[in-house]
PDB file of N, CA and C in Angstrom:
ATOM      1  N   HIS A   1      75.771-110.260 -84.244  1.00  0.00           N
ATOM      2  CA  HIS A   1      76.329-110.471 -85.564  1.00  0.00           C
ATOM      3  C   HIS A   1      75.226-110.907 -86.511  1.00  0.00           C
ATOM      4  N   PRO A   2      75.347-110.621 -87.837  1.00  0.00           N
ATOM      5  CA  PRO A   2      74.292-110.921 -88.799  1.00  0.00           C
ATOM      6  C   PRO A   2      74.065-112.422 -88.947  1.00  0.00           C
ATOM      7  N   THR A   3      72.836-112.755 -89.270  1.00  0.00           N
ATOM      8  CA  THR A   3      72.464-114.143 -89.526  1.00  0.00           C
ATOM      9  C   THR A   3      72.023-114.274 -90.975  1.00  0.00           C
ATOM     10  N   ASN A   4      72.287-115.422 -91.573  1.00  0.00           N
ATOM     11  CA  ASN A   4      71.870-115.646 -92.952  1.00  0.00           C
ATOM     12  C   ASN A   4      70.482-116.263 -93.038  1.00  0.00           C
ATOM     13  N   GLU A   5      69.899-116.598 -91.899  1.00  0.00           N
ATOM     14  CA  GLU A   5      68.577-117.189 -91.907  1.00  0.00           C
ATOM     15  C   GLU A   5      67.542-116.138 -92.285  1.00  0.00           C
ATOM     16  N   ALA A   6      66.579-116.556 -93.090  1.00  0.00           N
ATOM     17  CA  ALA A   6      65.506-115.651 -93.477  1.00  0.00           C
ATOM     18  C   ALA A   6      64.448-115.613 -92.385  1.00  0.00           C
ATOM     19  N   GLU A   7      63.841-114.456 -92.247  1.00  0.00           N
ATOM     20  CA  GLU A   7      62.674-114.347 -91.378  1.00  0.00           C
ATOM     21  C   GLU A   7      61.451-114.424 -92.270  1.00  0.00           C
ATOM     22  N   THR A   8      60.531-115.327 -91.952  1.00  0.00           N
ATOM     23  CA  THR A   8      59.333-115.513 -92.757  1.00  0.00           C
ATOM     24  C   THR A   8      58.116-115.085 -91.954  1.00  0.00           C
ATOM     25  N   THR A   9      57.270-114.268 -92.582  1.00  0.00           N
ATOM     26  CA  THR A   9      56.054-113.801 -91.941  1.00  0.00           C
ATOM     27  C   THR A   9      54.852-114.138 -92.815  1.00  0.00           C
ATOM     28  N   PHE A  10      53.683-114.255 -92.161  1.00  0.00           N
ATOM     29  CA  PHE A  10      52.463-114.641 -92.865  1.00  0.00           C
ATOM     30  C   PHE A  10      51.309-113.739 -92.456  1.00  0.00           C
ATOM     31  N   ALA A  11      50.435-113.454 -93.403  1.00  0.00           N
ATOM     32  CA  ALA A  11      49.169-112.770 -93.125  1.00  0.00           C
ATOM     33  C   ALA A  11      48.133-113.402 -94.055  1.00  0.00           C
ATOM     34  N   ILE A  12      47.414-114.399 -93.549  1.00  0.00           N
ATOM     35  CA  ILE A  12      46.414-115.107 -94.342  1.00  0.00           C
ATOM     36  C   ILE A  12      45.058-114.869 -93.686  1.00  0.00           C
ATOM     37  N   PHE A  13      44.195-114.136 -94.374  1.00  0.00           N
ATOM     38  CA  PHE A  13      42.921-113.698 -93.814  1.00  0.00           C
ATOM     39  C   PHE A  13      43.140-112.975 -92.487  1.00  0.00           C
ATOM     40  N   ALA A  14      44.241-112.262 -92.365  1.00  0.00           N
ATOM     41  CA  ALA A  14      44.610-111.589 -91.119  1.00  0.00           C
ATOM     42  C   ALA A  14      45.603-110.474 -91.423  1.00  0.00           C
ATOM     43  N   GLY A  15      46.187-109.933 -90.359  1.00  0.00           N
ATOM     44  CA  GLY A  15      47.180-108.879 -90.498  1.00  0.00           C
ATOM     45  C   GLY A  15      48.474-109.241 -89.800  1.00  0.00           C
ATOM     46  N   MET A  16      49.555-108.644 -90.236  1.00  0.00           N
ATOM     47  CA  MET A  16      50.888-108.867 -89.675  1.00  0.00           C
ATOM     48  C   MET A  16      51.612-107.531 -89.689  1.00  0.00           C
ATOM     49  N   GLU A  17      52.397-107.261 -88.635  1.00  0.00           N
ATOM     50  CA  GLU A  17      53.118-105.994 -88.590  1.00  0.00           C
ATOM     51  C   GLU A  17      54.487-106.173 -87.946  1.00  0.00           C
ATOM     52  N   ARG A  18      55.507-105.516 -88.540  1.00  0.00           N
ATOM     53  CA  ARG A  18      56.834-105.356 -87.936  1.00  0.00           C
ATOM     54  C   ARG A  18      57.039-103.864 -87.815  1.00  0.00           C
ATOM     55  N   ALA A  19      57.130-103.368 -86.591  1.00  0.00           N
ATOM     56  CA  ALA A  19      57.282-101.935 -86.376  1.00  0.00           C
ATOM     57  C   ALA A  19      58.036-101.710 -85.080  1.00  0.00           C
ATOM     58  N   GLY A  20      58.387-100.459 -84.828  1.00  0.00           N
ATOM     59  CA  GLY A  20      59.133-100.142 -83.621  1.00  0.00           C
ATOM     60  C   GLY A  20      60.584-100.548 -83.777  1.00  0.00           C
ATOM     61  N   ALA A  21      61.206-100.955 -82.692  1.00  0.00           N
ATOM     62  CA  ALA A  21      62.608-101.396 -82.729  1.00  0.00           C
ATOM     63  C   ALA A  21      62.638-102.884 -83.072  1.00  0.00           C
ATOM     64  N   TRP A  22      63.187-103.207 -84.247  1.00  0.00           N
ATOM     65  CA  TRP A  22      63.322-104.598 -84.667  1.00  0.00           C
ATOM     66  C   TRP A  22      64.530-104.733 -85.577  1.00  0.00           C
ATOM     67  N   ARG A  23      65.027-105.969 -85.732  1.00  0.00           N
ATOM     68  CA  ARG A  23      66.198-106.234 -86.571  1.00  0.00           C
ATOM     69  C   ARG A  23      65.746-106.701 -87.949  1.00  0.00           C
ATOM     70  N   ALA A  24      66.103-105.919 -88.967  1.00  0.00           N
ATOM     71  CA  ALA A  24      65.786-106.269 -90.349  1.00  0.00           C
ATOM     72  C   ALA A  24      66.901-107.174 -90.871  1.00  0.00           C
ATOM     73  N   ARG A  25      66.586-108.433 -91.030  1.00  0.00           N
ATOM     74  CA  ARG A  25      67.581-109.396 -91.525  1.00  0.00           C
ATOM     75  C   ARG A  25      67.884-109.168 -92.994  1.00  0.00           C
ATOM     76  N   ARG A  26      68.930-109.823 -93.459  1.00  0.00           N
ATOM     77  CA  ARG A  26      69.346-109.733 -94.868  1.00  0.00           C
ATOM     78  C   ARG A  26      68.249-110.249 -95.797  1.00  0.00           C
ATOM     79  N   HIS A  27      67.561-111.315 -95.358  1.00  0.00           N
ATOM     80  CA  HIS A  27      66.494-111.925 -96.161  1.00  0.00           C
ATOM     81  C   HIS A  27      65.210-111.964 -95.342  1.00  0.00           C
ATOM     82  N   LEU A  28      64.189-111.317 -95.850  1.00  0.00           N
ATOM     83  CA  LEU A  28      62.858-111.368 -95.260  1.00  0.00           C
ATOM     84  C   LEU A  28      61.917-111.926 -96.317  1.00  0.00           C
ATOM     85  N   SER A  29      60.987-112.775 -95.908  1.00  0.00           N
ATOM     86  CA  SER A  29      59.978-113.225 -96.858  1.00  0.00           C
ATOM     87  C   SER A  29      58.616-113.104 -96.216  1.00  0.00           C
ATOM     88  N   ASN A  30      57.627-112.825 -97.049  1.00  0.00           N
ATOM     89  CA  ASN A  30      56.279-112.575 -96.554  1.00  0.00           C
ATOM     90  C   ASN A  30      55.256-113.171 -97.497  1.00  0.00           C
ATOM     91  N   LEU A  31      54.277-113.881 -96.920  1.00  0.00           N
ATOM     92  CA  LEU A  31      53.138-114.399 -97.658  1.00  0.00           C
ATOM     93  C   LEU A  31      51.902-113.667 -97.163  1.00  0.00           C
ATOM     94  N   THR A  32      51.262-112.924 -98.045  1.00  0.00           N
ATOM     95  CA  THR A  32      50.043-112.207 -97.704  1.00  0.00           C
ATOM     96  C   THR A  32      48.952-112.651 -98.664  1.00  0.00           C
ATOM     97  N   MET A  33      47.903-113.276 -98.109  1.00  0.00           N
ATOM     98  CA  MET A  33      46.763-113.706 -98.914  1.00  0.00           C
ATOM     99  C   MET A  33      45.484-113.274 -98.203  1.00  0.00           C
ATOM    100  N   PHE A  34      44.668-112.491 -98.888  1.00  0.00           N
ATOM    101  CA  PHE A  34      43.409-112.011 -98.339  1.00  0.00           C
ATOM    102  C   PHE A  34      43.626-111.324 -96.991  1.00  0.00           C
ATOM    103  N   GLY A  35      44.720-110.597 -96.871  1.00  0.00           N
ATOM    104  CA  GLY A  35      45.032-109.917 -95.619  1.00  0.00           C
ATOM    105  C   GLY A  35      45.956-108.742 -95.878  1.00  0.00           C
ATOM    106  N   GLY A  36      46.592-108.285 -94.810  1.00  0.00           N
ATOM    107  CA  GLY A  36      47.491-107.153 -94.940  1.00  0.00           C
ATOM    108  C   GLY A  36      48.729-107.314 -94.090  1.00  0.00           C
ATOM    109  N   SER A  37      49.855-106.873 -94.624  1.00  0.00           N
ATOM    110  CA  SER A  37      51.125-106.901 -93.904  1.00  0.00           C
ATOM    111  C   SER A  37      51.705-105.492 -93.896  1.00  0.00           C
ATOM    112  N   ARG A  38      52.391-105.163 -92.803  1.00  0.00           N
ATOM    113  CA  ARG A  38      52.995-103.838 -92.682  1.00  0.00           C
ATOM    114  C   ARG A  38      54.412-103.988 -92.143  1.00  0.00           C
ATOM    115  N   PHE A  39      55.371-103.427 -92.882  1.00  0.00           N
ATOM    116  CA  PHE A  39      56.774-103.393 -92.465  1.00  0.00           C
ATOM    117  C   PHE A  39      57.154-101.930 -92.299  1.00  0.00           C
ATOM    118  N   ASP A  40      57.464-101.525 -91.077  1.00  0.00           N
ATOM    119  CA  ASP A  40      57.873-100.152 -90.813  1.00  0.00           C
ATOM    120  C   ASP A  40      59.359-100.183 -90.456  1.00  0.00           C
ATOM    121  N   PHE A  41      60.193 -99.765 -91.405  1.00  0.00           N
ATOM    122  CA  PHE A  41      61.643 -99.813 -91.230  1.00  0.00           C
ATOM    123  C   PHE A  41      62.182 -98.572 -90.509  1.00  0.00           C
ATOM    124  N   ARG A  42      61.324 -97.647 -90.113  1.00  0.00           N
ATOM    125  CA  ARG A  42      61.808 -96.404 -89.513  1.00  0.00           C
ATOM    126  C   ARG A  42      62.491 -96.625 -88.170  1.00  0.00           C
ATOM    127  N   GLY A  43      62.158 -97.691 -87.455  1.00  0.00           N
ATOM    128  CA  GLY A  43      62.816 -97.987 -86.184  1.00  0.00           C
ATOM    129  C   GLY A  43      63.690 -99.213 -86.244  1.00  0.00           C
ATOM    130  N   ALA A  44      63.885 -99.754 -87.451  1.00  0.00           N
ATOM    131  CA  ALA A  44      64.617-101.013 -87.620  1.00  0.00           C
ATOM    132  C   ALA A  44      66.124-100.796 -87.619  1.00  0.00           C
ATOM    133  N   THR A  45      66.836-101.816 -87.166  1.00  0.00           N
ATOM    134  CA  THR A  45      68.291-101.875 -87.283  1.00  0.00           C
ATOM    135  C   THR A  45      68.598-102.869 -88.395  1.00  0.00           C
ATOM    136  N   PHE A  46      69.305-102.431 -89.420  1.00  0.00           N
ATOM    137  CA  PHE A  46      69.611-103.287 -90.564  1.00  0.00           C
ATOM    138  C   PHE A  46      70.833-104.152 -90.258  1.00  0.00           C
ATOM    139  N   GLU A  47      70.709-105.467 -90.449  1.00  0.00           N
ATOM    140  CA  GLU A  47      71.826-106.384 -90.231  1.00  0.00           C
ATOM    141  C   GLU A  47      72.816-106.369 -91.386  1.00  0.00           C
ATOM    142  N   SER A  48      72.406-105.826 -92.531  1.00  0.00           N
ATOM    143  CA  SER A  48      73.239-105.840 -93.728  1.00  0.00           C
ATOM    144  C   SER A  48      72.975-104.557 -94.513  1.00  0.00           C
ATOM    145  N   ASP A  49      73.855-104.249 -95.462  1.00  0.00           N
ATOM    146  CA  ASP A  49      73.628-103.060 -96.284  1.00  0.00           C
ATOM    147  C   ASP A  49      72.537-103.289 -97.328  1.00  0.00           C
ATOM    148  N   VAL A  50      72.142-104.557 -97.526  1.00  0.00           N
ATOM    149  CA  VAL A  50      71.044-104.894 -98.432  1.00  0.00           C
ATOM    150  C   VAL A  50      70.056-105.775 -97.677  1.00  0.00           C
ATOM    151  N   CYS A  51      68.792-105.419 -97.775  1.00  0.00           N
ATOM    152  CA  CYS A  51      67.720-106.203 -97.169  1.00  0.00           C
ATOM    153  C   CYS A  51      66.784-106.620 -98.297  1.00  0.00           C
ATOM    154  N   GLU A  52      66.731-107.934 -98.576  1.00  0.00           N
ATOM    155  CA  GLU A  52      65.842-108.438 -99.621  1.00  0.00           C
ATOM    156  C   GLU A  52      64.515-108.842 -98.989  1.00  0.00           C
ATOM    157  N   LEU A  53      63.435-108.182 -99.414  1.00  0.00           N
ATOM    158  CA  LEU A  53      62.096-108.506 -98.938  1.00  0.00           C
ATOM    159  C   LEU A  53      61.356-109.167-100.093  1.00  0.00           C
ATOM    160  N   THR A  54      61.165-110.482 -99.989  1.00  0.00           N
ATOM    161  CA  THR A  54      60.486-111.244-101.025  1.00  0.00           C
ATOM    162  C   THR A  54      59.041-111.457-100.594  1.00  0.00           C
ATOM    163  N   VAL A  55      58.108-110.990-101.414  1.00  0.00           N
ATOM    164  CA  VAL A  55      56.696-111.090-101.071  1.00  0.00           C
ATOM    165  C   VAL A  55      55.950-111.966-102.075  1.00  0.00           C
ATOM    166  N   PHE A  56      54.965-112.670-101.573  1.00  0.00           N
ATOM    167  CA  PHE A  56      53.928-113.276-102.400  1.00  0.00           C
ATOM    168  C   PHE A  56      52.634-112.694-101.869  1.00  0.00           C
ATOM    169  N   CYS A  57      52.060-111.787-102.626  1.00  0.00           N
ATOM    170  CA  CYS A  57      50.877-111.059-102.193  1.00  0.00           C
ATOM    171  C   CYS A  57      49.740-111.346-103.158  1.00  0.00           C
ATOM    172  N   ALA A  58      48.679-112.010-102.662  1.00  0.00           N
ATOM    173  CA  ALA A  58      47.518-112.326-103.490  1.00  0.00           C
ATOM    174  C   ALA A  58      46.264-111.836-102.781  1.00  0.00           C
ATOM    175  N   PHE A  59      45.498-111.012-103.448  1.00  0.00           N
ATOM    176  CA  PHE A  59      44.247-110.491-102.900  1.00  0.00           C
ATOM    177  C   PHE A  59      44.472-109.838-101.538  1.00  0.00           C
ATOM    178  N   GLY A  60      45.545-109.070-101.433  1.00  0.00           N
ATOM    179  CA  GLY A  60      45.858-108.398-100.172  1.00  0.00           C
ATOM    180  C   GLY A  60      46.771-107.222-100.427  1.00  0.00           C
ATOM    181  N   GLY A  61      47.344-106.722 -99.356  1.00  0.00           N
ATOM    182  CA  GLY A  61      48.233-105.579 -99.492  1.00  0.00           C
ATOM    183  C   GLY A  61      49.400-105.646 -98.532  1.00  0.00           C
ATOM    184  N   VAL A  62      50.528-105.106 -98.990  1.00  0.00           N
ATOM    185  CA  VAL A  62      51.732-105.005 -98.169  1.00  0.00           C
ATOM    186  C   VAL A  62      52.135-103.534 -98.144  1.00  0.00           C
ATOM    187  N   GLU A  63      52.218-102.971 -96.945  1.00  0.00           N
ATOM    188  CA  GLU A  63      52.620-101.582 -96.774  1.00  0.00           C
ATOM    189  C   GLU A  63      54.022-101.547 -96.185  1.00  0.00           C
ATOM    190  N   ILE A  64      54.893-100.742 -96.788  1.00  0.00           N
ATOM    191  CA  ILE A  64      56.280-100.625 -96.347  1.00  0.00           C
ATOM    192  C   ILE A  64      56.569 -99.153 -96.093  1.00  0.00           C
ATOM    193  N   ARG A  65      57.003 -98.812 -94.880  1.00  0.00           N
ATOM    194  CA  ARG A  65      57.394 -97.438 -94.541  1.00  0.00           C
ATOM    195  C   ARG A  65      58.912 -97.408 -94.409  1.00  0.00           C
ATOM    196  N   VAL A  66      59.513 -96.390 -95.011  1.00  0.00           N
ATOM    197  CA  VAL A  66      60.966 -96.311 -95.101  1.00  0.00           C
ATOM    198  C   VAL A  66      61.439 -94.955 -94.566  1.00  0.00           C
ATOM    199  N   PRO A  67      62.495 -94.949 -93.726  1.00  0.00           N
ATOM    200  CA  PRO A  67      63.023 -93.668 -93.255  1.00  0.00           C
ATOM    201  C   PRO A  67      63.841 -92.980 -94.343  1.00  0.00           C
ATOM    202  N   ASP A  68      64.050 -91.684 -94.175  1.00  0.00           N
ATOM    203  CA  ASP A  68      64.932 -90.963 -95.092  1.00  0.00           C
ATOM    204  C   ASP A  68      66.309 -91.618 -95.088  1.00  0.00           C
ATOM    205  N   GLY A  69      66.931 -91.632 -96.254  1.00  0.00           N
ATOM    206  CA  GLY A  69      68.283 -92.158 -96.356  1.00  0.00           C
ATOM    207  C   GLY A  69      68.355 -93.621 -96.715  1.00  0.00           C
ATOM    208  N   VAL A  70      67.231 -94.325 -96.759  1.00  0.00           N
ATOM    209  CA  VAL A  70      67.223 -95.741 -97.140  1.00  0.00           C
ATOM    210  C   VAL A  70      66.737 -95.836 -98.579  1.00  0.00           C
ATOM    211  N   ASN A  71      67.454 -96.612 -99.377  1.00  0.00           N
ATOM    212  CA  ASN A  71      67.124 -96.785-100.780  1.00  0.00           C
ATOM    213  C   ASN A  71      66.137 -97.941-100.940  1.00  0.00           C
ATOM    214  N   VAL A  72      65.280 -97.867-101.967  1.00  0.00           N
ATOM    215  CA  VAL A  72      64.341 -98.943-102.277  1.00  0.00           C
ATOM    216  C   VAL A  72      64.453 -99.254-103.760  1.00  0.00           C
ATOM    217  N   ARG A  73      64.607-100.543-104.072  1.00  0.00           N
ATOM    218  CA  ARG A  73      64.651-100.984-105.475  1.00  0.00           C
ATOM    219  C   ARG A  73      63.526-101.995-105.685  1.00  0.00           C
ATOM    220  N   ASN A  74      62.668-101.733-106.660  1.00  0.00           N
ATOM    221  CA  ASN A  74      61.525-102.598-106.933  1.00  0.00           C
ATOM    222  C   ASN A  74      61.852-103.601-108.032  1.00  0.00           C
ATOM    223  N   GLU A  75      61.803-104.888-107.688  1.00  0.00           N
ATOM    224  CA  GLU A  75      62.008-105.956-108.665  1.00  0.00           C
ATOM    225  C   GLU A  75      60.823-106.918-108.653  1.00  0.00           C
ATOM    226  N   THR A  76      59.666-106.468-108.157  1.00  0.00           N
ATOM    227  CA  THR A  76      58.501-107.350-108.099  1.00  0.00           C
ATOM    228  C   THR A  76      57.879-107.515-109.477  1.00  0.00           C
ATOM    229  N   VAL A  77      57.105-108.592-109.626  1.00  0.00           N
ATOM    230  CA  VAL A  77      56.312-108.834-110.823  1.00  0.00           C
ATOM    231  C   VAL A  77      54.851-108.736-110.394  1.00  0.00           C
ATOM    232  N   ALA A  78      54.080-107.927-111.091  1.00  0.00           N
ATOM    233  CA  ALA A  78      52.678-107.732-110.743  1.00  0.00           C
ATOM    234  C   ALA A  78      51.769-108.216-111.867  1.00  0.00           C
ATOM    235  N   VAL A  79      50.743-108.992-111.489  1.00  0.00           N
ATOM    236  CA  VAL A  79      49.724-109.455-112.425  1.00  0.00           C
ATOM    237  C   VAL A  79      48.378-109.056-111.828  1.00  0.00           C
ATOM    238  N   PHE A  80      47.657-108.162-112.500  1.00  0.00           N
ATOM    239  CA  PHE A  80      46.411-107.611-111.968  1.00  0.00           C
ATOM    240  C   PHE A  80      46.630-107.031-110.567  1.00  0.00           C
ATOM    241  N   GLY A  81      47.736-106.377-110.409  1.00  0.00           N
ATOM    242  CA  GLY A  81      48.079-105.730-109.142  1.00  0.00           C
ATOM    243  C   GLY A  81      49.182-104.731-109.419  1.00  0.00           C
ATOM    244  N   GLY A  82      49.843-104.275-108.386  1.00  0.00           N
ATOM    245  CA  GLY A  82      50.910-103.322-108.630  1.00  0.00           C
ATOM    246  C   GLY A  82      51.764-103.065-107.416  1.00  0.00           C
ATOM    247  N   THR A  83      52.927-102.487-107.694  1.00  0.00           N
ATOM    248  CA  THR A  83      53.841-102.054-106.647  1.00  0.00           C
ATOM    249  C   THR A  83      54.126-100.575-106.871  1.00  0.00           C
ATOM    250  N   ASP A  84      53.939 -99.795-105.824  1.00  0.00           N
ATOM    251  CA  ASP A  84      54.136 -98.350-105.905  1.00  0.00           C
ATOM    252  C   ASP A  84      55.240 -97.955-104.933  1.00  0.00           C
ATOM    253  N   VAL A  85      56.242 -97.230-105.434  1.00  0.00           N
ATOM    254  CA  VAL A  85      57.339 -96.733-104.604  1.00  0.00           C
ATOM    255  C   VAL A  85      57.335 -95.212-104.734  1.00  0.00           C
ATOM    256  N   LYS A  86      57.137 -94.509-103.594  1.00  0.00           N
ATOM    257  CA  LYS A  86      57.047 -93.044-103.677  1.00  0.00           C
ATOM    258  C   LYS A  86      57.583 -92.387-102.413  1.00  0.00           C
ATOM    259  N   HIS A  87      58.000 -91.139-102.580  1.00  0.00           N
ATOM    260  CA  HIS A  87      58.517 -90.305-101.489  1.00  0.00           C
ATOM    261  C   HIS A  87      59.755 -90.924-100.827  1.00  0.00           C
ATOM    262  N   ILE A  88      60.578 -91.607-101.617  1.00  0.00           N
ATOM    263  CA  ILE A  88      61.815 -92.205-101.100  1.00  0.00           C
ATOM    264  C   ILE A  88      62.938 -91.186-101.289  1.00  0.00           C
ATOM    265  N   HIS A  89      63.686 -90.936-100.214  1.00  0.00           N
ATOM    266  CA  HIS A  89      64.777 -89.964-100.254  1.00  0.00           C
ATOM    267  C   HIS A  89      66.082 -90.716 -99.973  1.00  0.00           C
ATOM    268  N   PRO A  90      66.673 -91.323-101.013  1.00  0.00           N
ATOM    269  CA  PRO A  90      67.851 -92.171-100.809  1.00  0.00           C
ATOM    270  C   PRO A  90      69.106 -91.372-100.470  1.00  0.00           C
ATOM    271  N   ALA A  91      70.092 -92.093 -99.973  1.00  0.00           N
ATOM    272  CA  ALA A  91      71.390 -91.497 -99.661  1.00  0.00           C
ATOM    273  C   ALA A  91      72.488 -92.466-100.085  1.00  0.00           C
ATOM    274  N   PRO A  92      73.582 -91.973-100.647  1.00  0.00           N
ATOM    275  CA  PRO A  92      74.688 -92.855-101.032  1.00  0.00           C
ATOM    276  C   PRO A  92      75.234 -93.596 -99.820  1.00  0.00           C
ATOM    277  N   GLY A  93      75.474 -94.888 -99.994  1.00  0.00           N
ATOM    278  CA  GLY A  93      76.050 -95.698 -98.935  1.00  0.00           C
ATOM    279  C   GLY A  93      75.059 -96.155 -97.877  1.00  0.00           C
ATOM    280  N   ALA A  94      73.797 -95.763 -98.016  1.00  0.00           N
ATOM    281  CA  ALA A  94      72.768 -96.159 -97.051  1.00  0.00           C
ATOM    282  C   ALA A  94      72.253 -97.554 -97.379  1.00  0.00           C
ATOM    283  N   PRO A  95      71.565 -98.198 -96.448  1.00  0.00           N
ATOM    284  CA  PRO A  95      70.992 -99.518 -96.735  1.00  0.00           C
ATOM    285  C   PRO A  95      70.012 -99.456 -97.902  1.00  0.00           C
ATOM    286  N   THR A  96      69.870-100.572 -98.600  1.00  0.00           N
ATOM    287  CA  THR A  96      68.939-100.696 -99.710  1.00  0.00           C
ATOM    288  C   THR A  96      67.972-101.831 -99.425  1.00  0.00           C
ATOM    289  N   ILE A  97      66.687-101.553 -99.567  1.00  0.00           N
ATOM    290  CA  ILE A  97      65.655-102.583 -99.476  1.00  0.00           C
ATOM    291  C   ILE A  97      65.310-102.973-100.901  1.00  0.00           C
ATOM    292  N   VAL A  98      65.479-104.261-101.226  1.00  0.00           N
ATOM    293  CA  VAL A  98      65.170-104.772-102.556  1.00  0.00           C
ATOM    294  C   VAL A  98      63.859-105.545-102.451  1.00  0.00           C
ATOM    295  N   LEU A  99      62.830-105.050-103.154  1.00  0.00           N
ATOM    296  CA  LEU A  99      61.532-105.713-103.156  1.00  0.00           C
ATOM    297  C   LEU A  99      61.498-106.729-104.282  1.00  0.00           C
ATOM    298  N   LYS A 100      61.222-107.985-103.939  1.00  0.00           N
ATOM    299  CA  LYS A 100      61.155-109.064-104.925  1.00  0.00           C
ATOM    300  C   LYS A 100      59.852-109.812-104.734  1.00  0.00           C
ATOM    301  N   GLY A 101      59.484-110.616-105.702  1.00  0.00           N
ATOM    302  CA  GLY A 101      58.336-111.486-105.534  1.00  0.00           C
ATOM    303  C   GLY A 101      57.229-111.213-106.523  1.00  0.00           C
ATOM    304  N   LEU A 102      56.036-111.727-106.189  1.00  0.00           N
ATOM    305  CA  LEU A 102      54.887-111.727-107.075  1.00  0.00           C
ATOM    306  C   LEU A 102      53.698-111.072-106.383  1.00  0.00           C
ATOM    307  N   VAL A 103      53.046-110.172-107.112  1.00  0.00           N
ATOM    308  CA  VAL A 103      51.860-109.485-106.608  1.00  0.00           C
ATOM    309  C   VAL A 103      50.703-109.844-107.536  1.00  0.00           C
ATOM    310  N   LEU A 104      49.711-110.589-107.009  1.00  0.00           N
ATOM    311  CA  LEU A 104      48.553-111.025-107.789  1.00  0.00           C
ATOM    312  C   LEU A 104      47.290-110.416-107.197  1.00  0.00           C
ATOM    313  N   PHE A 105      46.564-109.640-107.982  1.00  0.00           N
ATOM    314  CA  PHE A 105      45.315-109.053-107.511  1.00  0.00           C
ATOM    315  C   PHE A 105      45.495-108.373-106.155  1.00  0.00           C
ATOM    316  N   GLY A 106      46.611-107.711-105.979  1.00  0.00           N
ATOM    317  CA  GLY A 106      46.892-107.026-104.710  1.00  0.00           C
ATOM    318  C   GLY A 106      47.832-105.864-104.950  1.00  0.00           C
ATOM    319  N   GLY A 107      48.369-105.351-103.871  1.00  0.00           N
ATOM    320  CA  GLY A 107      49.257-104.212-104.012  1.00  0.00           C
ATOM    321  C   GLY A 107      50.337-104.162-102.958  1.00  0.00           C
ATOM    322  N   VAL A 108      51.484-103.635-103.373  1.00  0.00           N
ATOM    323  CA  VAL A 108      52.605-103.361-102.470  1.00  0.00           C
ATOM    324  C   VAL A 108      52.854-101.863-102.550  1.00  0.00           C
ATOM    325  N   ASP A 109      52.881-101.208-101.393  1.00  0.00           N
ATOM    326  CA  ASP A 109      53.046 -99.763-101.344  1.00  0.00           C
ATOM    327  C   ASP A 109      54.245 -99.443-100.456  1.00  0.00           C
ATOM    328  N   ALA A 110      55.325 -98.962-101.066  1.00  0.00           N
ATOM    329  CA  ALA A 110      56.529 -98.579-100.319  1.00  0.00           C
ATOM    330  C   ALA A 110      56.630 -97.067-100.353  1.00  0.00           C
ATOM    331  N   LYS A 111      56.683 -96.461 -99.167  1.00  0.00           N
ATOM    332  CA  LYS A 111      56.738 -95.005 -99.161  1.00  0.00           C
ATOM    333  C   LYS A 111      57.569 -94.474 -98.014  1.00  0.00           C
ATOM    334  N   GLY A 112      58.169 -93.322 -98.288  1.00  0.00           N
ATOM    335  CA  GLY A 112      58.891 -92.581 -97.284  1.00  0.00           C
ATOM    336  C   GLY A 112      58.030 -91.444 -96.792  1.00  0.00           C
ATOM    337  N   ASP A 113      58.604 -90.606 -95.971  1.00  0.00           N
ATOM    338  CA  ASP A 113      57.873 -89.449 -95.465  1.00  0.00           C
ATOM    339  C   ASP A 113      57.847 -88.349 -96.508  1.00  0.00           C
ATOM    340  N   LYS A 114      56.701 -87.722 -96.684  1.00  0.00           N
ATOM    341  CA  LYS A 114      56.588 -86.609 -97.637  1.00  0.00           C
ATOM    342  C   LYS A 114      57.396 -85.433 -97.118  1.00  0.00           C
ATOM    343  N   ARG A 115      57.945 -84.679 -98.037  1.00  0.00           N
ATOM    344  CA  ARG A 115      58.694 -83.471 -97.658  1.00  0.00           C
ATOM    345  C   ARG A 115      57.929 -82.259 -98.090  1.00  0.00           C
TER     346      ARG A 115
END
């Protein structure tokens, strides 16, 4: 059954990865500073129809891979950085990943598979 607890991940002068078979909770948070984080949702099981991924990314990068049929909504704020969402093939009624947070001197890249 779903949990309301957030999963928090860190990548400080290092790397962090969630890939393969894993449970994507309703709330995920990530701190990336001078490092890199990777979230691959292609093998994930979503606990909710909405997955909020809140990032604080400074001088680093966050890579997000999304399977076909999953929606992505970008609500991040970028200062001397950016968030790029591309090759997303959404489907009605499918889970939605909501990107939130702050990107400083870094980048967040959310992408699906090219067709």
